[in-house]
Amino acid sequence: MDPFEKVILAYSGGLDTSFCIKYLQLEKNLEVHAAIVNTGGFSDEELKRIGDRAVFLGAASFTVLDATDDFYNRCLRYLIYGNVLRNNTYPLSVSAERVFQALAIIEYAQKQGAKYIAHGSTGAGNDQIRFDLIFNILGSGLEVITPIRDLKLSRQEEVDYLVKLGVDQSWEKAQYSINKGLWGTSVGGKETLTSDQYLPESAFPTQVTDKDPQTISLQFVKGELKGIDDQVFKNPVEAIQTLAAIAAPYGIGRDIHVGDTIIGIKGRVGFEAAAPLLIIKAHHLLEKHTLGKWQGYWKDQLSTWYGMMLHEGQYLDPVMRDIETFLEHTQERVSGTVFIRLFPYRFELHGIESPHDMMSSKMGQYGEMNNAWSGDDARGFTKIMSIANKIHRVSE
């Protein structure tokens, strides 16, 4: 490895990438250029603080790459269209954003003419695969450096290394790995390494401060969130951020996800995703009213595949573009308003209004009145439906 060569570090400001700055600089003699990719989870003040910290640690430069709108337009809206929840629980908060962070980092590295690119992923998680896949596909000639993975470091060993170098920080919070983005925040710590312990209240980024129930309405236009109550948004990203600010103080959207990692072991991670959970559940309810039976069935199948492929870093596979085309086409009639009641730690979906609501009483009302068919029609329909099973029973 040539000394004083430029390395682009995918920087988050957390413990792992803080270690990487010092290690790459002191142990590998590289000129470290830290780049953070904002996927909607950082304020300007937070980005400035993270940047100041990177320079203090020894980074030759610090750059913010904003990928928020790109992230929404090329990925998140399809997760909403598909109501994607990994194992019916997790809205792919980190899984989705890692791919777009990798895409932004490699584009930046190529523009900078860097020879090396680095990230702080461990050797036992999914992120290493997501970053490496993108870097391998698009990064011809770039060498990938992964200090945490290669040295097999525990978080305590990283802390000890930095303390030895005189890096002063409150390392108590560093015991939790927190990744914040537009589509939610993941929280990993000692509890998530077990099978039976739950995260303490203090581990979640947003504390519960709202106790009084309130009703809100979400307006969707062709599957996209475009309004909250009386406020209309030109950019769905702003709608998501506004909804998060309303719902997160209720403690809504908290859970622990357990699933199969890309490398084959089981993994457990906590998360806080108030806006994603509300949007997905509200959108799903609206679809129940506006989609046909087989549209819903096949969309569920393809959405599951889409979420799995994205989770495993396979975003660049061409089949993903095919699924996206299908998902977008299904949203033509998914427009309307969903009414939601918020409570501490939970919410209720109260109903919808839509010009495309298929619960029209013109044909009939379930359990009440048959307008478009007669009793004789129903008897004939049932008789024909029974034929195949009658034949089967006769042939036994």
Protein backbone atom coordinates (compact mmCIF):
# COMPACT_ATOMS: atom_id res chain seq x y z
CA MET A 1 0.00 0.00 0.00
CA ASP A 2 1.58 3.25 -1.13
CA PRO A 3 2.07 5.74 1.73
CA PHE A 4 0.17 9.04 1.69
CA GLU A 5 -2.16 7.81 -1.06
CA LYS A 6 -5.73 9.09 -0.92
CA VAL A 7 -8.40 6.86 0.66
CA ILE A 8 -12.10 7.75 0.63
CA LEU A 9 -13.72 6.64 3.89
CA ALA A 10 -17.48 6.07 4.02
CA TYR A 11 -17.85 8.01 7.25
CA SER A 12 -20.82 8.03 9.63
CA GLY A 13 -19.36 9.77 12.66
CA GLY A 14 -19.83 6.71 14.85
CA LEU A 15 -17.30 4.62 16.73
CA ASP A 16 -16.34 2.31 13.85
CA THR A 17 -15.55 5.03 11.34
CA SER A 18 -13.89 7.19 14.00
CA PHE A 19 -11.52 4.29 14.62
CA CYS A 20 -10.98 3.95 10.88
CA ILE A 21 -9.75 7.54 10.51
CA LYS A 22 -7.01 7.08 13.09
CA TYR A 23 -6.11 3.56 11.96
CA LEU A 24 -5.87 4.38 8.26
CA GLN A 25 -3.84 7.47 9.00
CA LEU A 26 -1.46 6.06 11.62
CA GLU A 27 -1.17 2.39 10.73
CA LYS A 28 -1.57 2.52 6.93
CA ASN A 29 -0.03 5.96 6.28
CA LEU A 30 -2.95 6.97 4.08
CA GLU A 31 -4.45 10.43 3.50
CA VAL A 32 -7.99 9.99 4.79
CA HIS A 33 -10.84 11.87 3.10
CA ALA A 34 -14.07 11.32 5.01
CA ALA A 35 -17.37 11.43 3.13
CA ILE A 36 -20.76 11.07 4.76
CA VAL A 37 -23.82 10.24 2.67
CA ASN A 38 -26.96 11.90 3.98
CA THR A 39 -30.01 9.77 3.23
CA GLY A 40 -32.32 12.09 5.12
CA GLY A 41 -31.31 11.40 8.70
CA PHE A 42 -29.09 14.35 9.54
CA SER A 43 -29.74 18.02 10.24
CA ASP A 44 -27.30 20.71 9.11
CA GLU A 45 -26.16 21.11 12.71
CA GLU A 46 -25.47 17.39 13.06
CA LEU A 47 -23.54 17.30 9.80
CA LYS A 48 -21.38 20.22 10.90
CA ARG A 49 -20.66 18.53 14.23
CA ILE A 50 -19.78 15.25 12.49
CA GLY A 51 -17.55 17.08 10.03
CA ASP A 52 -15.73 18.97 12.77
CA ARG A 53 -15.17 15.66 14.53
CA ALA A 54 -13.75 14.02 11.40
CA VAL A 55 -11.24 16.85 10.92
CA PHE A 56 -10.35 16.76 14.63
CA LEU A 57 -9.62 13.03 14.31
CA GLY A 58 -7.25 13.70 11.45
CA ALA A 59 -9.23 13.54 8.22
CA ALA A 60 -7.63 15.57 5.42
CA SER A 61 -11.10 16.62 4.28
CA PHE A 62 -14.78 16.08 5.04
CA THR A 63 -17.55 16.03 2.44
CA VAL A 64 -21.33 15.70 2.68
CA LEU A 65 -22.95 13.81 -0.19
CA ASP A 66 -26.71 14.36 -0.16
CA ALA A 67 -28.55 11.39 -1.64
CA THR A 68 -31.94 11.92 0.04
CA ASP A 69 -34.06 12.69 -3.02
CA ASP A 70 -32.26 10.06 -5.10
CA PHE A 71 -32.85 7.54 -2.31
CA TYR A 72 -36.56 8.26 -2.25
CA ASN A 73 -37.11 8.37 -6.02
CA ARG A 74 -35.10 5.28 -6.87
CA CYS A 75 -35.93 3.12 -3.85
CA LEU A 76 -38.19 4.22 -1.01
CA ARG A 77 -41.28 4.85 -3.09
CA TYR A 78 -41.11 1.24 -4.28
CA LEU A 79 -40.87 0.02 -0.70
CA ILE A 80 -44.07 1.97 -0.03
CA TYR A 81 -45.77 0.65 -3.18
CA GLY A 82 -44.83 -2.86 -2.06
CA ASN A 83 -45.64 -2.39 1.66
CA VAL A 84 -42.25 -3.98 2.24
CA LEU A 85 -41.57 -5.19 5.79
CA ARG A 86 -38.78 -7.72 6.26
CA ASN A 87 -40.22 -10.71 8.15
CA ASN A 88 -43.44 -8.67 8.49
CA THR A 89 -41.57 -6.43 10.93
CA TYR A 90 -38.68 -4.33 9.64
CA PRO A 91 -39.06 -1.55 7.02
CA LEU A 92 -35.49 -2.07 5.74
CA SER A 93 -34.40 1.19 7.35
CA VAL A 94 -30.66 0.55 7.09
CA SER A 95 -30.75 -2.16 4.41
CA ALA A 96 -32.13 0.25 1.84
CA GLU A 97 -29.96 3.26 2.61
CA ARG A 98 -26.66 1.34 2.62
CA VAL A 99 -26.96 0.62 -1.11
CA PHE A 100 -27.39 4.31 -1.90
CA GLN A 101 -24.60 5.29 0.43
CA ALA A 102 -22.32 2.87 -1.42
CA LEU A 103 -23.42 4.25 -4.80
CA ALA A 104 -22.72 7.83 -3.72
CA ILE A 105 -19.35 6.97 -2.15
CA ILE A 106 -18.04 5.12 -5.18
CA GLU A 107 -19.10 7.92 -7.53
CA TYR A 108 -17.30 10.41 -5.29
CA ALA A 109 -14.17 8.22 -5.06
CA GLN A 110 -13.97 7.95 -8.84
CA LYS A 111 -14.34 11.72 -9.26
CA GLN A 112 -11.55 12.23 -6.73
CA GLY A 113 -9.27 9.77 -8.50
CA ALA A 114 -8.79 7.77 -5.31
CA LYS A 115 -6.97 4.45 -5.35
CA TYR A 116 -8.48 3.20 -2.10
CA ILE A 117 -11.95 3.17 -0.59
CA ALA A 118 -12.78 2.14 2.98
CA HIS A 119 -15.76 1.42 5.21
CA GLY A 120 -16.21 0.52 8.87
CA SER A 121 -18.42 -2.56 8.58
CA THR A 122 -17.79 -5.57 10.77
CA GLY A 123 -17.20 -9.09 9.46
CA ALA A 124 -20.41 -10.47 10.97
CA GLY A 125 -23.05 -8.16 9.51
CA ASN A 126 -24.91 -7.41 6.32
CA ASP A 127 -23.41 -3.99 5.59
CA GLN A 128 -20.03 -5.42 4.55
CA ILE A 129 -21.74 -7.36 1.76
CA ARG A 130 -23.87 -4.42 0.62
CA PHE A 131 -20.90 -2.06 0.39
CA ASP A 132 -18.56 -4.61 -1.15
CA LEU A 133 -21.08 -5.74 -3.78
CA ILE A 134 -21.57 -2.19 -5.08
CA PHE A 135 -17.85 -1.46 -4.91
CA ASN A 136 -17.02 -4.66 -6.80
CA ILE A 137 -19.60 -4.08 -9.51
CA LEU A 138 -18.84 -0.41 -10.13
CA GLY A 139 -15.37 0.17 -8.71
CA SER A 140 -12.93 -1.21 -11.23
CA GLY A 141 -9.38 -0.57 -10.04
CA LEU A 142 -10.37 0.49 -6.51
CA GLU A 143 -8.97 -1.42 -3.52
CA VAL A 144 -11.42 -1.81 -0.62
CA ILE A 145 -10.04 -1.55 2.93
CA THR A 146 -12.10 -2.79 5.89
CA PRO A 147 -10.18 -2.33 9.18
CA ILE A 148 -12.92 -3.43 11.61
CA ARG A 149 -13.64 -6.61 9.65
CA ASP A 150 -10.02 -7.52 9.00
CA LEU A 151 -8.87 -6.93 12.58
CA LYS A 152 -11.99 -8.63 14.05
CA LEU A 153 -12.39 -5.83 16.58
CA SER A 154 -14.99 -5.60 19.30
CA ARG A 155 -16.49 -2.20 20.07
CA GLN A 156 -14.60 -2.14 23.39
CA GLU A 157 -11.30 -2.76 21.59
CA GLU A 158 -12.03 0.19 19.31
CA VAL A 159 -12.75 2.38 22.33
CA ASP A 160 -9.53 1.25 24.01
CA TYR A 161 -7.51 2.11 20.88
CA LEU A 162 -8.95 5.62 20.67
CA VAL A 163 -8.58 6.26 24.39
CA LYS A 164 -4.93 5.19 24.17
CA LEU A 165 -4.44 7.85 21.49
CA GLY A 166 -5.98 10.46 23.76
CA VAL A 167 -9.22 10.84 21.82
CA ASP A 168 -11.65 12.29 24.35
CA GLN A 169 -15.33 11.43 23.93
CA SER A 170 -18.26 10.18 25.95
CA TRP A 171 -17.89 6.54 25.02
CA GLU A 172 -20.94 5.41 27.01
CA LYS A 173 -23.26 6.25 24.08
CA ALA A 174 -20.83 4.53 21.74
CA GLN A 175 -21.94 1.23 23.27
CA TYR A 176 -24.96 1.53 20.96
CA SER A 177 -24.56 1.55 17.22
CA ILE A 178 -27.13 4.01 15.85
CA ASN A 179 -27.75 4.54 12.13
CA LYS A 180 -30.21 7.29 11.27
CA GLY A 181 -31.86 7.83 7.90
CA LEU A 182 -35.05 9.03 6.24
CA TRP A 183 -36.61 5.58 6.49
CA GLY A 184 -35.91 5.02 10.18
CA THR A 185 -33.14 4.54 12.70
CA SER A 186 -31.52 1.24 13.67
CA VAL A 187 -30.20 0.64 17.18
CA GLY A 188 -27.74 -2.14 17.99
CA GLY A 189 -26.18 -2.87 21.37
CA LYS A 190 -25.46 -5.52 23.96
CA GLU A 191 -29.16 -6.37 24.29
CA THR A 192 -29.58 -7.12 20.58
CA LEU A 193 -26.72 -9.62 20.79
CA THR A 194 -28.97 -11.74 23.01
CA SER A 195 -32.21 -13.54 22.18
CA ASP A 196 -34.19 -12.43 25.22
CA GLN A 197 -33.34 -8.84 26.16
CA TYR A 198 -35.09 -5.68 24.96
CA LEU A 199 -33.45 -2.31 24.46
CA PRO A 200 -33.76 0.19 27.32
CA GLU A 201 -35.84 3.31 26.79
CA SER A 202 -32.71 5.45 26.76
CA ALA A 203 -31.27 3.58 23.76
CA PHE A 204 -33.95 4.91 21.41
CA PRO A 205 -33.08 8.26 19.79
CA THR A 206 -36.54 9.79 20.33
CA GLN A 207 -37.96 9.72 23.83
CA VAL A 208 -41.72 9.47 24.47
CA THR A 209 -43.03 12.96 25.25
CA ASP A 210 -46.52 12.95 23.67
CA LYS A 211 -49.19 11.18 25.71
CA ASP A 212 -52.44 12.72 24.46
CA PRO A 213 -54.07 10.78 21.58
CA GLN A 214 -54.61 12.61 18.30
CA THR A 215 -56.13 11.80 14.92
CA ILE A 216 -54.24 12.56 11.73
CA SER A 217 -55.03 12.01 8.07
CA LEU A 218 -52.58 10.93 5.37
CA GLN A 219 -53.31 11.77 1.73
CA PHE A 220 -51.90 9.47 -0.96
CA VAL A 221 -51.75 10.19 -4.69
CA LYS A 222 -50.96 7.14 -6.83
CA GLY A 223 -49.33 5.44 -3.86
CA GLU A 224 -47.19 8.38 -2.73
CA LEU A 225 -47.69 10.33 0.49
CA LYS A 226 -48.50 13.88 -0.60
CA GLY A 227 -50.38 15.36 2.36
CA ILE A 228 -50.78 15.27 6.15
CA ASP A 229 -53.99 16.77 7.54
CA ASP A 230 -54.37 20.11 5.71
CA GLN A 231 -50.73 20.38 4.63
CA VAL A 232 -49.81 19.44 1.05
CA PHE A 233 -46.21 18.61 0.14
CA LYS A 234 -44.57 18.96 -3.25
CA ASN A 235 -41.75 16.67 -2.13
CA PRO A 236 -42.70 13.34 -0.46
CA VAL A 237 -39.40 13.47 1.46
CA GLU A 238 -40.72 16.49 3.38
CA ALA A 239 -43.95 14.63 4.07
CA ILE A 240 -42.04 11.68 5.54
CA GLN A 241 -39.91 13.95 7.72
CA THR A 242 -42.97 15.86 8.93
CA LEU A 243 -44.80 12.63 9.81
CA ALA A 244 -41.77 11.37 11.72
CA ALA A 245 -41.71 14.56 13.77
CA ILE A 246 -45.41 14.07 14.64
CA ALA A 247 -45.35 10.34 15.44
CA ALA A 248 -41.89 9.57 16.84
CA PRO A 249 -42.56 11.36 20.18
CA TYR A 250 -45.36 8.82 20.75
CA GLY A 251 -42.83 5.96 20.66
CA ILE A 252 -44.58 4.56 17.57
CA GLY A 253 -42.62 2.34 15.21
CA ARG A 254 -40.27 0.78 17.75
CA ASP A 255 -39.46 -2.91 17.59
CA ILE A 256 -36.69 -5.49 17.37
CA HIS A 257 -36.20 -7.32 14.09
CA VAL A 258 -34.89 -10.88 14.00
CA GLY A 259 -33.89 -12.26 10.63
CA ASP A 260 -31.54 -14.20 8.42
CA THR A 261 -28.41 -12.32 7.49
CA ILE A 262 -26.83 -12.48 4.04
CA ILE A 263 -23.97 -14.56 5.42
CA GLY A 264 -26.32 -17.13 6.94
CA ILE A 265 -26.38 -16.41 10.67
CA LYS A 266 -29.37 -14.98 12.54
CA GLY A 267 -29.28 -11.29 13.35
CA ARG A 268 -31.20 -9.06 15.76
CA VAL A 269 -31.48 -5.27 15.61
CA GLY A 270 -33.67 -2.66 17.24
CA PHE A 271 -35.21 0.15 15.26
CA GLU A 272 -37.30 3.29 15.50
CA ALA A 273 -39.34 3.95 12.35
CA ALA A 274 -42.50 5.88 13.15
CA ALA A 275 -43.09 7.38 9.71
CA PRO A 276 -42.30 4.21 7.70
CA LEU A 277 -44.62 2.04 9.80
CA LEU A 278 -47.49 4.52 9.60
CA ILE A 279 -47.03 5.06 5.87
CA ILE A 280 -46.79 1.36 5.01
CA LYS A 281 -49.76 0.34 7.12
CA ALA A 282 -51.90 3.25 5.89
CA HIS A 283 -50.92 2.61 2.28
CA HIS A 284 -51.70 -1.09 2.67
CA LEU A 285 -55.16 -0.31 4.02
CA LEU A 286 -55.83 2.03 1.10
CA GLU A 287 -54.76 -0.70 -1.32
CA LYS A 288 -57.19 -3.17 0.27
CA HIS A 289 -59.96 -0.83 -0.81
CA THR A 290 -58.65 0.10 -4.27
CA LEU A 291 -56.82 -2.93 -5.74
CA GLY A 292 -58.32 -6.03 -7.27
CA LYS A 293 -57.85 -9.47 -5.69
CA TRP A 294 -55.14 -10.70 -8.06
CA GLN A 295 -53.38 -7.37 -8.22
CA GLY A 296 -52.93 -7.56 -4.46
CA TYR A 297 -51.87 -11.20 -4.55
CA TRP A 298 -49.16 -10.85 -7.17
CA LYS A 299 -47.96 -7.54 -5.78
CA ASP A 300 -47.38 -9.25 -2.43
CA GLN A 301 -45.25 -11.94 -4.08
CA LEU A 302 -43.08 -9.54 -6.06
CA SER A 303 -42.79 -7.10 -3.15
CA THR A 304 -41.39 -9.83 -0.93
CA TRP A 305 -38.77 -10.63 -3.56
CA TYR A 306 -37.96 -6.95 -4.03
CA GLY A 307 -37.41 -6.47 -0.30
CA MET A 308 -35.25 -9.59 -0.04
CA MET A 309 -33.07 -8.59 -3.01
CA LEU A 310 -32.63 -5.08 -1.65
CA HIS A 311 -31.86 -6.39 1.84
CA GLU A 312 -29.09 -8.55 0.37
CA GLY A 313 -27.53 -5.71 -1.60
CA GLN A 314 -28.74 -6.87 -5.03
CA TYR A 315 -30.21 -3.51 -6.02
CA LEU A 316 -28.28 -3.40 -9.32
CA ASP A 317 -29.74 -6.68 -10.59
CA PRO A 318 -31.88 -5.85 -13.68
CA VAL A 319 -34.85 -7.82 -12.31
CA MET A 320 -35.26 -5.03 -9.73
CA ARG A 321 -36.12 -2.58 -12.50
CA ASP A 322 -38.71 -5.05 -13.83
CA ILE A 323 -40.36 -5.37 -10.41
CA GLU A 324 -40.35 -1.59 -9.99
CA THR A 325 -42.23 -1.21 -13.27
CA PHE A 326 -44.89 -3.63 -12.07
CA LEU A 327 -45.19 -1.99 -8.65
CA GLU A 328 -45.57 1.49 -10.11
CA HIS A 329 -48.29 0.33 -12.51
CA THR A 330 -50.33 -1.09 -9.60
CA GLN A 331 -50.57 2.37 -8.02
CA GLU A 332 -52.75 4.02 -10.67
CA ARG A 333 -55.86 3.91 -8.44
CA VAL A 334 -54.19 4.01 -5.02
CA SER A 335 -55.25 7.56 -4.16
CA GLY A 336 -57.23 8.73 -1.17
CA THR A 337 -57.10 9.65 2.52
CA VAL A 338 -56.36 7.35 5.46
CA PHE A 339 -57.41 8.30 8.99
CA ILE A 340 -55.13 7.26 11.87
CA ARG A 341 -55.39 7.65 15.64
CA LEU A 342 -52.07 8.00 17.48
CA PHE A 343 -51.47 6.79 21.05
CA PRO A 344 -48.30 6.27 23.10
CA TYR A 345 -46.50 3.23 21.60
CA ARG A 346 -49.32 2.33 19.19
CA PHE A 347 -51.73 3.54 16.51
CA GLU A 348 -55.12 2.60 15.03
CA LEU A 349 -56.14 2.72 11.38
CA HIS A 350 -59.70 4.08 11.43
CA GLY A 351 -60.56 3.97 7.73
CA ILE A 352 -60.21 5.57 4.31
CA GLU A 353 -61.88 7.81 1.77
CA SER A 354 -61.12 7.31 -1.91
CA PRO A 355 -62.83 7.93 -5.26
CA HIS A 356 -61.63 4.44 -6.21
CA ASP A 357 -63.02 2.65 -3.15
CA MET A 358 -64.24 -0.76 -4.32
CA MET A 359 -66.57 -1.10 -1.31
CA SER A 360 -69.26 0.51 -3.46
CA SER A 361 -72.80 -0.39 -2.40
CA LYS A 362 -74.02 -0.34 -6.01
CA MET A 363 -73.26 -4.05 -6.44
CA GLY A 364 -73.92 -5.16 -2.90
CA GLN A 365 -73.00 -4.73 0.75
CA TYR A 366 -71.10 -7.55 2.42
CA GLY A 367 -73.37 -9.52 4.75
CA GLU A 368 -76.32 -7.24 4.03
CA MET A 369 -77.71 -6.89 0.51
CA ASN A 370 -77.06 -8.48 -2.89
CA ASN A 371 -77.98 -5.88 -5.53
CA ALA A 372 -76.27 -7.16 -8.66
CA TRP A 373 -77.27 -10.84 -8.39
CA SER A 374 -80.19 -12.96 -7.26
CA GLY A 375 -80.48 -15.93 -4.92
CA ASP A 376 -80.78 -18.21 -7.96
CA ASP A 377 -77.53 -16.75 -9.35
CA ALA A 378 -75.79 -17.56 -6.07
CA ARG A 379 -77.13 -21.12 -6.05
CA GLY A 380 -75.94 -21.70 -9.63
CA PHE A 381 -72.54 -20.15 -8.88
CA THR A 382 -72.09 -22.39 -5.83
CA LYS A 383 -73.18 -25.48 -7.76
CA ILE A 384 -70.59 -24.90 -10.49
CA MET A 385 -67.88 -24.19 -7.91
CA SER A 386 -68.55 -27.53 -6.23
CA ILE A 387 -68.13 -29.66 -9.37
CA ALA A 388 -64.34 -30.20 -9.24
CA ASN A 389 -64.38 -31.39 -5.63
CA LYS A 390 -67.42 -33.59 -6.25
CA ILE A 391 -65.54 -35.28 -9.10
CA HIS A 392 -62.52 -35.75 -6.86
CA ARG A 393 -64.56 -37.37 -4.09
CA VAL A 394 -66.31 -39.72 -6.54
CA SER A 395 -62.95 -40.90 -7.88
CA GLU A 396 -61.56 -41.79 -4.42
